[in-house]
Amino acid sequence: MVLLKFIRPEQPPSLARPSMEQLSHLIKTSLRYPESYDHPFLQKSLCMVPVTLTLSNCSLAGVDVIIDLRHKATSPETLEVHGSFTWLGKTQYKLQLKAQEIQKLQLKACFIHAGVYNLGTPRVFAKLTDQGSMCETSQQNSMPALIIINSV
């Protein structure tokens, strides 16, 4: 009969560095807003709609998050086709989310015309808190978030 001897390593195995794919899925975002919104543009020129941005830390570690609300103009056609609106208030937020923590940000979108708009413009960047000087990674963008603004 042969006896097997099991040897346990003295050092814990080194943690593998997360891949770019994994780093781009640290934060899950969702927007909550009315599907359509009626506004009397003839009486009030500015239509302000409350929007809630929910950020969910999908990792088991702390995460540093940057939310950038400035529109990224990829081409002039994008603005013509989808219309333009403005986020009111701060243009950038910096947060720290603990492991599996969920935070909600209250935002306001401002419109000057009736139309269909894509609210899915916030850009979210994240990095693991303990990664020091490592750059934030752009998080996977969600589906378009369309809202219909009606003039009444």
Protein backbone atom coordinates (compact mmCIF):
# COMPACT_ATOMS: atom_id res chain seq x y z
CA MET A 1 0.00 0.00 0.00
CA VAL A 2 1.25 3.49 -0.95
CA LEU A 3 0.64 6.41 1.39
CA LEU A 4 0.03 9.86 -0.03
CA LYS A 5 1.49 12.84 1.66
CA PHE A 6 -0.31 16.19 1.22
CA ILE A 7 1.79 19.30 1.59
CA ARG A 8 0.22 22.64 2.31
CA PRO A 9 2.02 25.68 0.90
CA GLU A 10 3.49 28.01 3.50
CA GLN A 11 2.41 31.17 1.68
CA PRO A 12 -1.11 31.95 0.56
CA PRO A 13 -1.42 31.96 -3.23
CA SER A 14 -1.00 35.40 -4.73
CA LEU A 15 -4.24 37.00 -5.82
CA ALA A 16 -4.68 37.16 -9.56
CA ARG A 17 -5.03 40.63 -10.99
CA PRO A 18 -8.61 41.13 -12.27
CA SER A 19 -9.02 41.26 -16.05
CA MET A 20 -10.23 44.38 -17.87
CA GLU A 21 -13.50 42.54 -18.50
CA GLN A 22 -13.97 41.97 -14.76
CA LEU A 23 -12.99 45.56 -13.94
CA SER A 24 -15.60 46.87 -16.39
CA HIS A 25 -18.36 45.09 -14.47
CA LEU A 26 -17.68 46.35 -10.92
CA ILE A 27 -20.67 48.72 -10.88
CA LYS A 28 -24.17 48.06 -12.18
CA THR A 29 -26.22 51.17 -12.92
CA SER A 30 -29.91 51.75 -13.44
CA LEU A 31 -31.98 54.88 -14.02
CA ARG A 32 -35.46 55.41 -12.60
CA TYR A 33 -37.63 58.08 -14.22
CA PRO A 34 -41.15 58.52 -15.62
CA GLU A 35 -41.71 56.90 -19.01
CA SER A 36 -43.38 60.07 -20.23
CA TYR A 37 -43.72 63.54 -18.75
CA ASP A 38 -46.24 66.27 -19.58
CA HIS A 39 -45.10 69.88 -19.37
CA PRO A 40 -46.71 73.24 -20.36
CA PHE A 41 -43.81 74.70 -22.38
CA LEU A 42 -45.88 77.79 -23.33
CA GLN A 43 -46.21 78.76 -19.63
CA LYS A 44 -42.81 77.53 -18.41
CA SER A 45 -39.91 77.23 -20.84
CA LEU A 46 -37.86 74.81 -18.70
CA CYS A 47 -39.06 71.28 -17.94
CA MET A 48 -37.25 69.62 -15.03
CA VAL A 49 -37.68 65.88 -14.49
CA PRO A 50 -36.41 64.00 -11.41
CA VAL A 51 -34.21 60.99 -12.22
CA THR A 52 -32.70 58.48 -9.78
CA LEU A 53 -29.38 56.87 -10.67
CA THR A 54 -28.83 53.65 -8.71
CA LEU A 55 -25.26 52.35 -8.37
CA SER A 56 -24.73 48.77 -7.20
CA ASN A 57 -21.28 47.50 -6.25
CA CYS A 58 -21.19 43.97 -7.68
CA SER A 59 -17.85 43.10 -6.07
CA LEU A 60 -16.84 41.83 -2.66
CA ALA A 61 -14.39 44.74 -2.29
CA GLY A 62 -14.64 48.50 -1.86
CA VAL A 63 -14.87 50.47 -5.09
CA ASP A 64 -14.06 54.11 -5.95
CA VAL A 65 -16.62 55.47 -8.42
CA ILE A 66 -16.71 58.56 -10.64
CA ILE A 67 -19.96 59.56 -12.36
CA ASP A 68 -19.55 62.02 -15.23
CA LEU A 69 -22.78 63.70 -16.37
CA ARG A 70 -21.23 65.79 -19.13
CA HIS A 71 -22.48 64.69 -22.53
CA LYS A 72 -19.92 63.00 -24.70
CA ALA A 73 -20.64 64.42 -28.16
CA THR A 74 -19.56 61.69 -30.54
CA SER A 75 -20.98 63.39 -33.63
CA PRO A 76 -23.31 66.29 -34.50
CA GLU A 77 -25.83 63.78 -35.87
CA THR A 78 -26.24 62.23 -32.42
CA LEU A 79 -27.62 65.49 -31.01
CA GLU A 80 -29.85 66.08 -34.02
CA VAL A 81 -31.40 62.62 -33.94
CA HIS A 82 -31.79 62.14 -30.19
CA GLY A 83 -32.20 65.73 -29.04
CA SER A 84 -30.30 67.42 -26.30
CA PHE A 85 -31.02 68.03 -22.64
CA THR A 86 -28.97 69.14 -19.65
CA TRP A 87 -28.33 67.57 -16.28
CA LEU A 88 -28.79 70.21 -13.56
CA GLY A 89 -26.40 70.52 -10.62
CA LYS A 90 -22.96 68.93 -10.35
CA THR A 91 -21.40 67.53 -13.51
CA GLN A 92 -19.25 64.98 -11.67
CA TYR A 93 -19.67 62.87 -8.54
CA LYS A 94 -16.99 60.89 -6.68
CA LEU A 95 -18.17 58.13 -4.36
CA GLN A 96 -16.83 55.16 -2.45
CA LEU A 97 -19.03 52.08 -2.30
CA LYS A 98 -18.37 49.32 0.20
CA ALA A 99 -18.58 45.68 -0.84
CA GLN A 100 -22.01 45.00 -2.42
CA GLU A 101 -23.29 48.42 -1.34
CA ILE A 102 -26.07 50.19 -3.24
CA GLN A 103 -26.30 54.01 -3.45
CA LYS A 104 -28.87 56.23 -5.11
CA LEU A 105 -28.18 59.67 -6.59
CA GLN A 106 -31.04 62.10 -7.12
CA LEU A 107 -30.54 63.93 -10.43
CA LYS A 108 -32.59 66.41 -12.47
CA ALA A 109 -32.79 66.47 -16.24
CA CYS A 110 -33.76 69.76 -17.91
CA PHE A 111 -35.53 69.96 -21.29
CA ILE A 112 -36.50 72.99 -23.39
CA HIS A 113 -38.53 71.17 -26.07
CA ALA A 114 -40.99 68.30 -26.30
CA GLY A 115 -39.51 65.14 -27.81
CA VAL A 116 -37.95 61.75 -27.13
CA TYR A 117 -34.66 61.82 -25.22
CA ASN A 118 -32.08 59.25 -24.14
CA LEU A 119 -31.27 59.71 -20.43
CA GLY A 120 -28.64 56.95 -20.59
CA THR A 121 -25.78 59.44 -20.94
CA PRO A 122 -24.06 59.28 -17.50
CA ARG A 123 -20.60 57.74 -17.80
CA VAL A 124 -19.48 55.66 -14.84
CA PHE A 125 -15.85 54.82 -14.05
CA ALA A 126 -14.69 52.59 -11.20
CA LYS A 127 -11.63 50.99 -9.65
CA LEU A 128 -11.08 48.78 -6.65
CA THR A 129 -10.33 51.01 -3.64
CA ASP A 130 -7.16 49.07 -2.72
CA GLN A 131 -5.69 49.41 -6.24
CA GLY A 132 -3.97 52.70 -5.38
CA SER A 133 -2.85 54.66 -8.42
CA MET A 134 -4.55 52.39 -10.95
CA CYS A 135 -6.82 54.25 -13.37
CA GLU A 136 -10.58 53.93 -13.20
CA THR A 137 -12.17 51.61 -15.76
CA SER A 138 -15.23 52.61 -17.76
CA GLN A 139 -18.19 50.54 -16.63
CA GLN A 140 -20.43 48.69 -19.08
CA ASN A 141 -23.08 51.06 -20.36
CA SER A 142 -26.69 50.13 -19.89
CA MET A 143 -29.35 50.13 -22.57
CA PRO A 144 -30.77 53.43 -23.81
CA ALA A 145 -33.11 55.06 -21.29
CA LEU A 146 -35.75 56.82 -23.37
CA ILE A 147 -38.16 59.39 -21.97
CA ILE A 148 -40.98 61.12 -23.84
CA ILE A 149 -41.50 64.81 -23.01
CA ASN A 150 -44.95 66.02 -24.08
CA SER A 151 -46.07 69.63 -24.46
CA VAL A 152 -49.53 70.24 -22.97
